[in-house]
Amino acid sequence: METFLDLIREILKGIVRELSAHFFRKAVIENKKTTPRRRKQKGGSQKNN
């Protein structure tokens, strides 16, 4: 019986860990505002071949 309860406890820990990682990913990583990328300006004189 104790082994069964340990198994259930480990399964629940895994579910809670995955759910918290999912919500953390949604809230923090995906909602980060990204700045629009600009093209780098090349310095010096450029020759057209």
Protein backbone atom coordinates (compact mmCIF):
# COMPACT_ATOMS: atom_id res chain seq x y z
CA MET A 1 0.00 0.00 0.00
CA GLU A 2 2.83 2.38 0.86
CA THR A 3 4.49 1.70 -2.49
CA PHE A 4 1.24 2.51 -4.29
CA LEU A 5 0.95 5.82 -2.43
CA ASP A 6 4.57 6.68 -3.30
CA LEU A 7 3.84 5.95 -6.95
CA ILE A 8 0.75 8.19 -6.93
CA ARG A 9 2.73 10.93 -5.15
CA GLU A 10 5.51 10.82 -7.78
CA ILE A 11 2.98 10.96 -10.62
CA LEU A 12 1.29 13.99 -9.06
CA LYS A 13 4.68 15.69 -8.57
CA GLY A 14 5.44 15.20 -12.25
CA ILE A 15 2.06 16.60 -13.31
CA VAL A 16 2.44 19.66 -11.08
CA ARG A 17 5.98 20.23 -12.35
CA GLU A 18 4.89 20.07 -15.99
CA LEU A 19 1.90 22.36 -15.41
CA SER A 20 3.99 24.96 -13.60
CA ALA A 21 6.61 24.85 -16.36
CA HIS A 22 3.89 25.29 -18.98
CA PHE A 23 2.34 28.31 -17.26
CA PHE A 24 5.76 29.82 -16.57
CA ARG A 25 6.61 29.46 -20.25
CA LYS A 26 3.32 31.08 -21.27
CA ALA A 27 3.55 33.95 -18.80
CA VAL A 28 7.22 34.87 -18.98
CA ILE A 29 8.89 33.63 -22.11
CA GLU A 30 6.18 33.94 -24.78
CA ASN A 31 4.87 37.33 -23.62
CA LYS A 32 8.28 38.98 -23.70
CA LYS A 33 8.15 42.00 -25.98
CA THR A 34 10.73 41.65 -28.68
CA THR A 35 12.21 44.72 -30.29
CA PRO A 36 11.99 44.84 -34.06
CA ARG A 37 15.30 43.95 -35.66
CA ARG A 38 17.11 46.62 -37.63
CA ARG A 39 19.62 45.92 -40.34
CA LYS A 40 23.16 46.58 -39.27
CA GLN A 41 24.68 49.58 -40.94
CA LYS A 42 27.91 48.77 -42.67
CA GLY A 43 30.72 51.19 -42.00
CA GLY A 44 33.24 52.49 -44.49
CA SER A 45 32.91 53.00 -48.19
CA GLN A 46 31.25 50.29 -50.20
CA LYS A 47 32.04 49.58 -53.83
CA ASN A 48 29.43 48.14 -56.15
CA ASN A 49 30.93 45.47 -58.41
